[in-house]
Amino acid sequence: MPTASSPVKSRAEVAALEAKGWRVWYATIFGQQFVSVLAPHHAEAIEWHWNAKMGERQGVRVSDDAYFAIWSRGHMKSTVARRIAVADACLSVTGYCLYTAGTKGKIQGHAKSIETLITLPTIKDWYSALSRVRKSNAGNSKGWTNDFIYTDQGYVFHFISLDEGIRGANVDDVRPTLIVPDDIDEPNDSPAVSETRFRIFTRSVLPTRQRGTLIFFAQNLIAKHSVMNKIVSGKERALTRRKLTAPIPALIGLVTEFRTVGGVGRDIIVAGEPTWGFYDRERCQEEIDTIGLPAFLAE
């Protein structure tokens, strides 16, 4: 594993690493611990993006250019989405990631996390230009702010919330090559708010794409009127060129039973198979005890 003092890798070394496939690449860049905890649904998502990028290099366009990560609360939706965005930058010569969330607070969190990722020692070793700001011929910064990062590699990260709307999703005549909607639905959204979000998403966000743009949609099903549910249920026909994926609940076959424990009424899990070993029944029980069964089921 390279360290902060390691020399910058040559193009031949980078190519050799990429040729080893996504598991070795992710372990090298993001750490073996991250790869070791991945569940099959995490691996499928990462592999979908990796194969799409490898095919792009060969001039092959994927038939399913959208992926829906409909995973339970606590299943690393944003963790995986952010790393896919950074991997996209690493595997591209130039590109443009439009990262969206429902609220300004959430998008700022995503922006800070991605900034941290692209300044990792491993990124500086293997993809050094990605961790530096691009400058104009006059030596002026082209942008490294809370919502916009123009890297020296030529890859752009643009962070927006649907509450703020789309502003200038076009830099140096380059339109988004990757769109990442990450939690654009909020649990307390009313049907009217969800309809507004859907309209902005389909009429302002998605039209920024160009031919070959990939879309990684990280969102669980939190309400019947949510943006994700409208699309998945077929009520609204959008993103129809997507890889078919099933929602991943925290537990398959969940059964709870009301019991009085220590004088307090509790909903106790009596059956259910975890879909991810690192979010087991004990963790699910803690979540139910904390937020309540209805909120747990919604997430």
C-alpha atoms as a PDB file:
ATOM      1  CA  MET A   1       0.000   0.000   0.000  1.00  0.00           C
ATOM      2  CA  PRO A   2       1.510   3.372  -0.952  1.00  0.00           C
ATOM      3  CA  THR A   3       2.128   5.892   1.801  1.00  0.00           C
ATOM      4  CA  ALA A   4       2.083   9.674   1.874  1.00  0.00           C
ATOM      5  CA  SER A   5       5.826   9.657   1.132  1.00  0.00           C
ATOM      6  CA  SER A   6       5.603   7.218  -1.794  1.00  0.00           C
ATOM      7  CA  PRO A   7       6.673   8.515  -5.216  1.00  0.00           C
ATOM      8  CA  VAL A   8       3.946   9.380  -7.704  1.00  0.00           C
ATOM      9  CA  LYS A   9       3.145   6.332  -9.811  1.00  0.00           C
ATOM     10  CA  SER A  10       3.921   6.213 -13.501  1.00  0.00           C
ATOM     11  CA  ARG A  11       1.235   5.747 -16.130  1.00  0.00           C
ATOM     12  CA  ALA A  12       2.472   2.198 -16.672  1.00  0.00           C
ATOM     13  CA  GLU A  13       2.048   1.431 -12.970  1.00  0.00           C
ATOM     14  CA  VAL A  14      -1.434   2.956 -12.963  1.00  0.00           C
ATOM     15  CA  ALA A  15      -2.420   0.908 -16.022  1.00  0.00           C
ATOM     16  CA  ALA A  16      -1.077  -2.247 -14.394  1.00  0.00           C
ATOM     17  CA  LEU A  17      -3.132  -1.602 -11.262  1.00  0.00           C
ATOM     18  CA  GLU A  18      -6.314  -0.945 -13.237  1.00  0.00           C
ATOM     19  CA  ALA A  19      -5.744  -4.149 -15.232  1.00  0.00           C
ATOM     20  CA  LYS A  20      -6.035  -6.156 -12.002  1.00  0.00           C
ATOM     21  CA  GLY A  21      -9.741  -5.336 -11.730  1.00  0.00           C
ATOM     22  CA  TRP A  22     -11.933  -3.407  -9.383  1.00  0.00           C
ATOM     23  CA  ARG A  23     -11.355  -5.418  -6.205  1.00  0.00           C
ATOM     24  CA  VAL A  24      -7.587  -4.934  -6.225  1.00  0.00           C
ATOM     25  CA  TRP A  25      -7.978  -1.336  -7.393  1.00  0.00           C
ATOM     26  CA  TYR A  26     -10.487  -0.409  -4.665  1.00  0.00           C
ATOM     27  CA  ALA A  27      -8.387  -2.146  -2.006  1.00  0.00           C
ATOM     28  CA  THR A  28      -5.328  -0.178  -3.109  1.00  0.00           C
ATOM     29  CA  ILE A  29      -7.060   3.191  -3.328  1.00  0.00           C
ATOM     30  CA  PHE A  30      -9.676   2.970  -0.555  1.00  0.00           C
ATOM     31  CA  GLY A  31      -8.240   0.235   1.654  1.00  0.00           C
ATOM     32  CA  GLN A  32      -8.674  -3.522   1.963  1.00  0.00           C
ATOM     33  CA  GLN A  33     -10.974  -3.023   4.950  1.00  0.00           C
ATOM     34  CA  PHE A  34     -13.532  -1.291   2.728  1.00  0.00           C
ATOM     35  CA  VAL A  35     -13.491  -4.104   0.163  1.00  0.00           C
ATOM     36  CA  SER A  36     -13.609  -6.818   2.822  1.00  0.00           C
ATOM     37  CA  VAL A  37     -16.940  -5.644   4.251  1.00  0.00           C
ATOM     38  CA  LEU A  38     -18.797  -5.368   0.951  1.00  0.00           C
ATOM     39  CA  ALA A  39     -22.015  -7.347   0.562  1.00  0.00           C
ATOM     40  CA  PRO A  40     -23.032  -8.810  -2.830  1.00  0.00           C
ATOM     41  CA  HIS A  41     -25.258  -5.801  -3.573  1.00  0.00           C
ATOM     42  CA  HIS A  42     -22.388  -3.398  -2.891  1.00  0.00           C
ATOM     43  CA  ALA A  43     -20.081  -5.416  -5.147  1.00  0.00           C
ATOM     44  CA  GLU A  44     -22.678  -5.541  -7.939  1.00  0.00           C
ATOM     45  CA  ALA A  45     -23.016  -1.747  -7.935  1.00  0.00           C
ATOM     46  CA  ILE A  46     -19.272  -1.136  -8.006  1.00  0.00           C
ATOM     47  CA  GLU A  47     -18.800  -3.742 -10.733  1.00  0.00           C
ATOM     48  CA  TRP A  48     -21.557  -2.171 -12.849  1.00  0.00           C
ATOM     49  CA  HIS A  49     -19.732   1.153 -12.810  1.00  0.00           C
ATOM     50  CA  TRP A  50     -16.273  -0.397 -13.306  1.00  0.00           C
ATOM     51  CA  ASN A  51     -17.400  -2.438 -16.306  1.00  0.00           C
ATOM     52  CA  ALA A  52     -19.099   0.608 -17.807  1.00  0.00           C
ATOM     53  CA  LYS A  53     -15.873   2.630 -17.536  1.00  0.00           C
ATOM     54  CA  MET A  54     -13.764  -0.181 -18.972  1.00  0.00           C
ATOM     55  CA  GLY A  55     -16.215  -0.567 -21.840  1.00  0.00           C
ATOM     56  CA  GLU A  56     -16.153   3.181 -22.454  1.00  0.00           C
ATOM     57  CA  ARG A  57     -12.414   2.974 -23.049  1.00  0.00           C
ATOM     58  CA  GLN A  58     -13.059   0.439 -25.778  1.00  0.00           C
ATOM     59  CA  GLY A  59     -15.828   2.495 -27.333  1.00  0.00           C
ATOM     60  CA  VAL A  60     -18.558   0.204 -26.033  1.00  0.00           C
ATOM     61  CA  ARG A  61     -21.614   1.858 -24.531  1.00  0.00           C
ATOM     62  CA  VAL A  62     -23.435  -0.010 -21.764  1.00  0.00           C
ATOM     63  CA  SER A  63     -27.066  -0.920 -22.411  1.00  0.00           C
ATOM     64  CA  ASP A  64     -28.042  -0.088 -18.826  1.00  0.00           C
ATOM     65  CA  ASP A  65     -26.630   3.360 -18.085  1.00  0.00           C
ATOM     66  CA  ALA A  66     -28.411   3.798 -14.737  1.00  0.00           C
ATOM     67  CA  TYR A  67     -28.118   1.848 -11.504  1.00  0.00           C
ATOM     68  CA  PHE A  68     -30.518   2.074  -8.556  1.00  0.00           C
ATOM     69  CA  ALA A  69     -28.960   1.368  -5.154  1.00  0.00           C
ATOM     70  CA  ILE A  70     -32.205   0.856  -3.221  1.00  0.00           C
ATOM     71  CA  TRP A  71     -30.579  -0.234  -0.002  1.00  0.00           C
ATOM     72  CA  SER A  72     -31.760  -0.164   3.582  1.00  0.00           C
ATOM     73  CA  ARG A  73     -30.705   2.505   6.031  1.00  0.00           C
ATOM     74  CA  GLY A  74     -27.156   1.871   7.232  1.00  0.00           C
ATOM     75  CA  HIS A  75     -26.119  -0.110   4.146  1.00  0.00           C
ATOM     76  CA  MET A  76     -23.451   2.363   2.968  1.00  0.00           C
ATOM     77  CA  LYS A  77     -25.442   3.920   0.109  1.00  0.00           C
ATOM     78  CA  SER A  78     -23.581   7.213   0.308  1.00  0.00           C
ATOM     79  CA  THR A  79     -20.264   5.578   1.196  1.00  0.00           C
ATOM     80  CA  VAL A  80     -20.368   3.524  -1.991  1.00  0.00           C
ATOM     81  CA  ALA A  81     -21.792   6.365  -4.102  1.00  0.00           C
ATOM     82  CA  ARG A  82     -18.975   8.730  -3.119  1.00  0.00           C
ATOM     83  CA  ARG A  83     -16.309   6.157  -3.914  1.00  0.00           C
ATOM     84  CA  ILE A  84     -17.896   5.407  -7.263  1.00  0.00           C
ATOM     85  CA  ALA A  85     -17.760   9.139  -8.014  1.00  0.00           C
ATOM     86  CA  VAL A  86     -14.062   9.275  -7.126  1.00  0.00           C
ATOM     87  CA  ALA A  87     -13.370   6.079  -9.064  1.00  0.00           C
ATOM     88  CA  ASP A  88     -15.107   7.656 -12.051  1.00  0.00           C
ATOM     89  CA  ALA A  89     -12.711  10.585 -11.866  1.00  0.00           C
ATOM     90  CA  CYS A  90      -9.684   8.319 -11.541  1.00  0.00           C
ATOM     91  CA  LEU A  91     -10.693   6.197 -14.519  1.00  0.00           C
ATOM     92  CA  SER A  92     -11.479   9.197 -16.723  1.00  0.00           C
ATOM     93  CA  VAL A  93      -9.151  11.560 -18.562  1.00  0.00           C
ATOM     94  CA  THR A  94     -11.659  14.360 -18.132  1.00  0.00           C
ATOM     95  CA  GLY A  95     -15.230  14.256 -16.928  1.00  0.00           C
ATOM     96  CA  TYR A  96     -17.932  15.925 -14.912  1.00  0.00           C
ATOM     97  CA  CYS A  97     -19.726  14.497 -11.895  1.00  0.00           C
ATOM     98  CA  LEU A  98     -22.999  16.203 -11.004  1.00  0.00           C
ATOM     99  CA  TYR A  99     -23.710  15.118  -7.422  1.00  0.00           C
ATOM    100  CA  THR A 100     -27.185  15.937  -6.131  1.00  0.00           C
ATOM    101  CA  ALA A 101     -29.076  15.624  -2.841  1.00  0.00           C
ATOM    102  CA  GLY A 102     -32.408  16.802  -1.534  1.00  0.00           C
ATOM    103  CA  THR A 103     -31.172  19.509   0.801  1.00  0.00           C
ATOM    104  CA  LYS A 104     -28.242  21.909   1.055  1.00  0.00           C
ATOM    105  CA  GLY A 105     -27.107  20.353   4.330  1.00  0.00           C
ATOM    106  CA  LYS A 106     -26.852  16.889   2.816  1.00  0.00           C
ATOM    107  CA  ILE A 107     -25.063  17.993  -0.335  1.00  0.00           C
ATOM    108  CA  GLN A 108     -22.491  19.883   1.735  1.00  0.00           C
ATOM    109  CA  GLY A 109     -21.788  16.664   3.635  1.00  0.00           C
ATOM    110  CA  HIS A 110     -21.247  14.766   0.374  1.00  0.00           C
ATOM    111  CA  ALA A 111     -18.964  17.517  -0.941  1.00  0.00           C
ATOM    112  CA  LYS A 112     -16.753  17.473   2.153  1.00  0.00           C
ATOM    113  CA  SER A 113     -16.503  13.684   2.052  1.00  0.00           C
ATOM    114  CA  ILE A 114     -15.482  13.611  -1.596  1.00  0.00           C
ATOM    115  CA  GLU A 115     -12.930  16.361  -1.018  1.00  0.00           C
ATOM    116  CA  THR A 116     -11.462  14.197   1.729  1.00  0.00           C
ATOM    117  CA  LEU A 117     -11.348  11.182  -0.594  1.00  0.00           C
ATOM    118  CA  ILE A 118      -9.601  12.931  -3.485  1.00  0.00           C
ATOM    119  CA  THR A 119      -6.929  14.229  -1.133  1.00  0.00           C
ATOM    120  CA  LEU A 120      -6.138  10.779   0.292  1.00  0.00           C
ATOM    121  CA  PRO A 121      -2.428   9.846   0.179  1.00  0.00           C
ATOM    122  CA  THR A 122      -3.272   6.981  -2.198  1.00  0.00           C
ATOM    123  CA  ILE A 123      -4.983   9.356  -4.640  1.00  0.00           C
ATOM    124  CA  LYS A 124      -1.994  11.697  -4.483  1.00  0.00           C
ATOM    125  CA  ASP A 125       0.271   8.717  -5.249  1.00  0.00           C
ATOM    126  CA  TRP A 126      -1.714   7.132  -8.061  1.00  0.00           C
ATOM    127  CA  TYR A 127      -3.746  10.027  -9.525  1.00  0.00           C
ATOM    128  CA  SER A 128      -1.884  13.114  -8.329  1.00  0.00           C
ATOM    129  CA  ALA A 129      -3.575  15.618 -10.671  1.00  0.00           C
ATOM    130  CA  LEU A 130      -6.947  14.735  -9.144  1.00  0.00           C
ATOM    131  CA  SER A 131      -5.922  16.156  -5.769  1.00  0.00           C
ATOM    132  CA  ARG A 132      -4.836  19.541  -7.168  1.00  0.00           C
ATOM    133  CA  VAL A 133      -6.898  22.498  -8.348  1.00  0.00           C
ATOM    134  CA  ARG A 134      -6.820  23.379 -12.044  1.00  0.00           C
ATOM    135  CA  LYS A 135      -5.477  26.798 -12.922  1.00  0.00           C
ATOM    136  CA  SER A 136      -5.959  29.014 -15.948  1.00  0.00           C
ATOM    137  CA  ASN A 137      -3.103  30.047 -18.233  1.00  0.00           C
ATOM    138  CA  ALA A 138      -2.830  33.169 -16.109  1.00  0.00           C
ATOM    139  CA  GLY A 139      -2.302  31.057 -13.011  1.00  0.00           C
ATOM    140  CA  ASN A 140      -5.727  31.697 -11.464  1.00  0.00           C
ATOM    141  CA  SER A 141      -7.669  28.907  -9.774  1.00  0.00           C
ATOM    142  CA  LYS A 142     -10.551  27.553 -11.849  1.00  0.00           C
ATOM    143  CA  GLY A 143     -12.427  26.635  -8.724  1.00  0.00           C
ATOM    144  CA  TRP A 144     -12.207  24.679  -5.459  1.00  0.00           C
ATOM    145  CA  THR A 145     -15.148  25.717  -3.314  1.00  0.00           C
ATOM    146  CA  ASN A 146     -17.765  24.143  -1.060  1.00  0.00           C
ATOM    147  CA  ASP A 147     -19.895  23.161  -4.051  1.00  0.00           C
ATOM    148  CA  PHE A 148     -17.488  23.027  -6.982  1.00  0.00           C
ATOM    149  CA  ILE A 149     -14.123  21.316  -7.519  1.00  0.00           C
ATOM    150  CA  TYR A 150     -12.234  21.718 -10.802  1.00  0.00           C
ATOM    151  CA  THR A 151      -9.288  19.333 -10.563  1.00  0.00           C
ATOM    152  CA  ASP A 152      -5.984  19.707 -12.355  1.00  0.00           C
ATOM    153  CA  GLN A 153      -6.748  16.431 -14.111  1.00  0.00           C
ATOM    154  CA  GLY A 154      -9.634  18.185 -15.829  1.00  0.00           C
ATOM    155  CA  TYR A 155     -12.354  16.336 -13.920  1.00  0.00           C
ATOM    156  CA  VAL A 156     -15.093  18.443 -12.318  1.00  0.00           C
ATOM    157  CA  PHE A 157     -17.206  17.702  -9.240  1.00  0.00           C
ATOM    158  CA  HIS A 158     -20.313  19.867  -8.941  1.00  0.00           C
ATOM    159  CA  PHE A 159     -22.526  19.582  -5.847  1.00  0.00           C
ATOM    160  CA  ILE A 160     -26.114  20.858  -5.873  1.00  0.00           C
ATOM    161  CA  SER A 161     -29.302  20.349  -3.878  1.00  0.00           C
ATOM    162  CA  LEU A 162     -32.713  20.094  -5.486  1.00  0.00           C
ATOM    163  CA  ASP A 163     -33.868  22.816  -3.107  1.00  0.00           C
ATOM    164  CA  GLU A 164     -31.404  25.207  -4.768  1.00  0.00           C
ATOM    165  CA  GLY A 165     -31.927  24.054  -8.345  1.00  0.00           C
ATOM    166  CA  ILE A 166     -29.465  23.569 -11.199  1.00  0.00           C
ATOM    167  CA  ARG A 167     -27.105  26.387 -11.939  1.00  0.00           C
ATOM    168  CA  GLY A 168     -24.644  26.140 -14.793  1.00  0.00           C
ATOM    169  CA  ALA A 169     -24.219  22.360 -15.104  1.00  0.00           C
ATOM    170  CA  ASN A 170     -21.870  22.929 -18.022  1.00  0.00           C
ATOM    171  CA  VAL A 171     -18.176  23.714 -17.585  1.00  0.00           C
ATOM    172  CA  ASP A 172     -15.869  24.494 -20.517  1.00  0.00           C
ATOM    173  CA  ASP A 173     -18.560  23.058 -22.789  1.00  0.00           C
ATOM    174  CA  VAL A 174     -18.481  19.718 -20.933  1.00  0.00           C
ATOM    175  CA  ARG A 175     -21.782  18.355 -19.680  1.00  0.00           C
ATOM    176  CA  PRO A 176     -22.082  15.795 -16.854  1.00  0.00           C
ATOM    177  CA  THR A 177     -20.629  12.362 -17.599  1.00  0.00           C
ATOM    178  CA  LEU A 178     -21.770  10.962 -14.238  1.00  0.00           C
ATOM    179  CA  ILE A 179     -24.874  11.990 -12.283  1.00  0.00           C
ATOM    180  CA  VAL A 180     -25.209  10.822  -8.667  1.00  0.00           C
ATOM    181  CA  PRO A 181     -28.577  11.493  -7.016  1.00  0.00           C
ATOM    182  CA  ASP A 182     -27.876  10.591  -3.364  1.00  0.00           C
ATOM    183  CA  ASP A 183     -30.814  10.859  -0.954  1.00  0.00           C
ATOM    184  CA  ILE A 184     -32.896  13.329  -2.940  1.00  0.00           C
ATOM    185  CA  ASP A 185     -36.000  12.070  -1.108  1.00  0.00           C
ATOM    186  CA  GLU A 186     -36.518  13.129   2.503  1.00  0.00           C
ATOM    187  CA  PRO A 187     -38.645  11.126   5.005  1.00  0.00           C
ATOM    188  CA  ASN A 188     -40.846  14.107   5.820  1.00  0.00           C
ATOM    189  CA  ASP A 189     -41.459  15.256   2.242  1.00  0.00           C
ATOM    190  CA  SER A 190     -45.127  15.872   1.540  1.00  0.00           C
ATOM    191  CA  PRO A 191     -46.631  14.646  -1.756  1.00  0.00           C
ATOM    192  CA  ALA A 192     -46.424  18.233  -3.030  1.00  0.00           C
ATOM    193  CA  VAL A 193     -42.729  18.521  -2.151  1.00  0.00           C
ATOM    194  CA  SER A 194     -41.999  15.140  -3.728  1.00  0.00           C
ATOM    195  CA  GLU A 195     -43.769  16.226  -6.903  1.00  0.00           C
ATOM    196  CA  THR A 196     -41.638  19.365  -7.019  1.00  0.00           C
ATOM    197  CA  ARG A 197     -38.466  17.308  -6.487  1.00  0.00           C
ATOM    198  CA  PHE A 198     -39.514  14.903  -9.244  1.00  0.00           C
ATOM    199  CA  ARG A 199     -40.138  17.765 -11.640  1.00  0.00           C
ATOM    200  CA  ILE A 200     -36.741  19.342 -10.909  1.00  0.00           C
ATOM    201  CA  PHE A 201     -35.010  15.967 -11.150  1.00  0.00           C
ATOM    202  CA  THR A 202     -36.523  14.973 -14.489  1.00  0.00           C
ATOM    203  CA  ARG A 203     -36.695  18.409 -16.109  1.00  0.00           C
ATOM    204  CA  SER A 204     -33.535  20.053 -14.811  1.00  0.00           C
ATOM    205  CA  VAL A 205     -31.072  17.446 -13.511  1.00  0.00           C
ATOM    206  CA  LEU A 206     -31.403  14.532 -15.932  1.00  0.00           C
ATOM    207  CA  PRO A 207     -31.496  16.717 -19.084  1.00  0.00           C
ATOM    208  CA  THR A 208     -27.946  17.876 -18.275  1.00  0.00           C
ATOM    209  CA  ARG A 209     -26.636  14.468 -19.309  1.00  0.00           C
ATOM    210  CA  GLN A 210     -24.918  13.740 -22.588  1.00  0.00           C
ATOM    211  CA  ARG A 211     -24.733  10.544 -24.589  1.00  0.00           C
ATOM    212  CA  GLY A 212     -23.093   7.860 -22.445  1.00  0.00           C
ATOM    213  CA  THR A 213     -23.639   9.612 -19.096  1.00  0.00           C
ATOM    214  CA  LEU A 214     -23.885   7.133 -16.210  1.00  0.00           C
ATOM    215  CA  ILE A 215     -26.396   7.624 -13.392  1.00  0.00           C
ATOM    216  CA  PHE A 216     -25.951   6.089  -9.952  1.00  0.00           C
ATOM    217  CA  PHE A 217     -29.131   6.657  -7.936  1.00  0.00           C
ATOM    218  CA  ALA A 218     -28.639   5.971  -4.216  1.00  0.00           C
ATOM    219  CA  GLN A 219     -31.991   6.086  -2.437  1.00  0.00           C
ATOM    220  CA  ASN A 220     -34.208   3.829  -0.352  1.00  0.00           C
ATOM    221  CA  LEU A 221     -37.989   3.682  -0.674  1.00  0.00           C
ATOM    222  CA  ILE A 222     -39.220   5.960   2.087  1.00  0.00           C
ATOM    223  CA  ALA A 223     -42.693   6.913   0.809  1.00  0.00           C
ATOM    224  CA  LYS A 224     -45.147   5.928  -1.906  1.00  0.00           C
ATOM    225  CA  HIS A 225     -45.019   9.439  -3.344  1.00  0.00           C
ATOM    226  CA  SER A 226     -41.197   9.696  -3.273  1.00  0.00           C
ATOM    227  CA  VAL A 227     -39.183  10.311  -6.449  1.00  0.00           C
ATOM    228  CA  MET A 228     -37.549   6.889  -6.294  1.00  0.00           C
ATOM    229  CA  ASN A 229     -40.819   5.044  -5.719  1.00  0.00           C
ATOM    230  CA  LYS A 230     -42.547   6.856  -8.571  1.00  0.00           C
ATOM    231  CA  ILE A 231     -39.874   5.612 -10.954  1.00  0.00           C
ATOM    232  CA  VAL A 232     -39.410   2.094  -9.539  1.00  0.00           C
ATOM    233  CA  SER A 233     -43.143   1.426  -9.369  1.00  0.00           C
ATOM    234  CA  GLY A 234     -43.581   2.476 -12.994  1.00  0.00           C
ATOM    235  CA  LYS A 235     -45.960   5.281 -12.090  1.00  0.00           C
ATOM    236  CA  GLU A 236     -43.542   7.606 -13.865  1.00  0.00           C
ATOM    237  CA  ARG A 237     -41.487   6.313 -16.789  1.00  0.00           C
ATOM    238  CA  ALA A 238     -38.025   7.771 -16.310  1.00  0.00           C
ATOM    239  CA  LEU A 239     -34.551   6.207 -16.312  1.00  0.00           C
ATOM    240  CA  THR A 240     -35.927   3.171 -18.111  1.00  0.00           C
ATOM    241  CA  ARG A 241     -32.462   2.196 -19.405  1.00  0.00           C
ATOM    242  CA  ARG A 242     -31.450   0.992 -15.954  1.00  0.00           C
ATOM    243  CA  LYS A 243     -30.001  -2.233 -14.654  1.00  0.00           C
ATOM    244  CA  LEU A 244     -32.777  -4.118 -12.887  1.00  0.00           C
ATOM    245  CA  THR A 245     -32.075  -4.225  -9.165  1.00  0.00           C
ATOM    246  CA  ALA A 246     -34.297  -5.249  -6.285  1.00  0.00           C
ATOM    247  CA  PRO A 247     -34.666  -3.241  -3.075  1.00  0.00           C
ATOM    248  CA  ILE A 248     -32.372  -4.592  -0.358  1.00  0.00           C
ATOM    249  CA  PRO A 249     -34.069  -4.607   3.067  1.00  0.00           C
ATOM    250  CA  ALA A 250     -32.046  -4.847   6.259  1.00  0.00           C
ATOM    251  CA  LEU A 251     -33.681  -8.187   7.039  1.00  0.00           C
ATOM    252  CA  ILE A 252     -35.432 -10.697   4.818  1.00  0.00           C
ATOM    253  CA  GLY A 253     -38.503 -12.240   6.434  1.00  0.00           C
ATOM    254  CA  LEU A 254     -38.615  -9.756   9.297  1.00  0.00           C
ATOM    255  CA  VAL A 255     -41.030 -10.730  12.076  1.00  0.00           C
ATOM    256  CA  THR A 256     -41.402  -8.691  15.257  1.00  0.00           C
ATOM    257  CA  GLU A 257     -43.327  -9.308  18.438  1.00  0.00           C
ATOM    258  CA  PHE A 258     -44.519  -6.787  21.002  1.00  0.00           C
ATOM    259  CA  ARG A 259     -43.175  -7.514  24.467  1.00  0.00           C
ATOM    260  CA  THR A 260     -42.963  -5.660  27.759  1.00  0.00           C
ATOM    261  CA  VAL A 261     -39.359  -5.612  28.900  1.00  0.00           C
ATOM    262  CA  GLY A 262     -38.489  -3.994  32.213  1.00  0.00           C
ATOM    263  CA  GLY A 263     -41.851  -2.284  32.262  1.00  0.00           C
ATOM    264  CA  VAL A 264     -41.358  -0.787  28.788  1.00  0.00           C
ATOM    265  CA  GLY A 265     -43.159  -1.926  25.638  1.00  0.00           C
ATOM    266  CA  ARG A 266     -40.746  -2.960  22.868  1.00  0.00           C
ATOM    267  CA  ASP A 267     -40.943  -4.412  19.369  1.00  0.00           C
ATOM    268  CA  ILE A 268     -38.595  -7.410  19.431  1.00  0.00           C
ATOM    269  CA  ILE A 269     -37.222  -9.102  16.313  1.00  0.00           C
ATOM    270  CA  VAL A 270     -38.057 -12.814  16.455  1.00  0.00           C
ATOM    271  CA  ALA A 271     -37.184 -13.742  12.868  1.00  0.00           C
ATOM    272  CA  GLY A 272     -35.299 -12.309   9.927  1.00  0.00           C
ATOM    273  CA  GLU A 273     -32.158 -12.948   7.887  1.00  0.00           C
ATOM    274  CA  PRO A 274     -29.721 -10.015   7.551  1.00  0.00           C
ATOM    275  CA  THR A 275     -28.749  -9.055   4.006  1.00  0.00           C
ATOM    276  CA  TRP A 276     -25.383  -7.738   5.201  1.00  0.00           C
ATOM    277  CA  GLY A 277     -23.289  -9.274   7.931  1.00  0.00           C
ATOM    278  CA  PHE A 278     -22.159  -5.889   9.248  1.00  0.00           C
ATOM    279  CA  TYR A 279     -25.770  -4.811   9.847  1.00  0.00           C
ATOM    280  CA  ASP A 280     -26.974  -7.869  11.725  1.00  0.00           C
ATOM    281  CA  ARG A 281     -30.100  -8.559  13.776  1.00  0.00           C
ATOM    282  CA  GLU A 282     -28.571  -7.031  16.891  1.00  0.00           C
ATOM    283  CA  ARG A 283     -27.861  -3.791  15.006  1.00  0.00           C
ATOM    284  CA  CYS A 284     -31.374  -3.808  13.551  1.00  0.00           C
ATOM    285  CA  GLN A 285     -32.847  -4.328  17.023  1.00  0.00           C
ATOM    286  CA  GLU A 286     -30.866  -1.354  18.319  1.00  0.00           C
ATOM    287  CA  GLU A 287     -32.237   0.731  15.457  1.00  0.00           C
ATOM    288  CA  ILE A 288     -35.829  -0.289  16.205  1.00  0.00           C
ATOM    289  CA  ASP A 289     -35.323   0.459  19.900  1.00  0.00           C
ATOM    290  CA  THR A 290     -33.997   3.905  18.997  1.00  0.00           C
ATOM    291  CA  ILE A 291     -36.210   5.180  16.177  1.00  0.00           C
ATOM    292  CA  GLY A 292     -39.251   2.919  16.531  1.00  0.00           C
ATOM    293  CA  LEU A 293     -40.605   0.140  14.312  1.00  0.00           C
ATOM    294  CA  PRO A 294     -42.583   2.352  11.871  1.00  0.00           C
ATOM    295  CA  ALA A 295     -39.501   4.506  11.116  1.00  0.00           C
ATOM    296  CA  PHE A 296     -37.331   1.397  10.766  1.00  0.00           C
ATOM    297  CA  LEU A 297     -39.748  -0.143   8.284  1.00  0.00           C
ATOM    298  CA  ALA A 298     -39.890   3.107   6.295  1.00  0.00           C
ATOM    299  CA  GLU A 299     -36.103   3.179   5.963  1.00  0.00           C
END
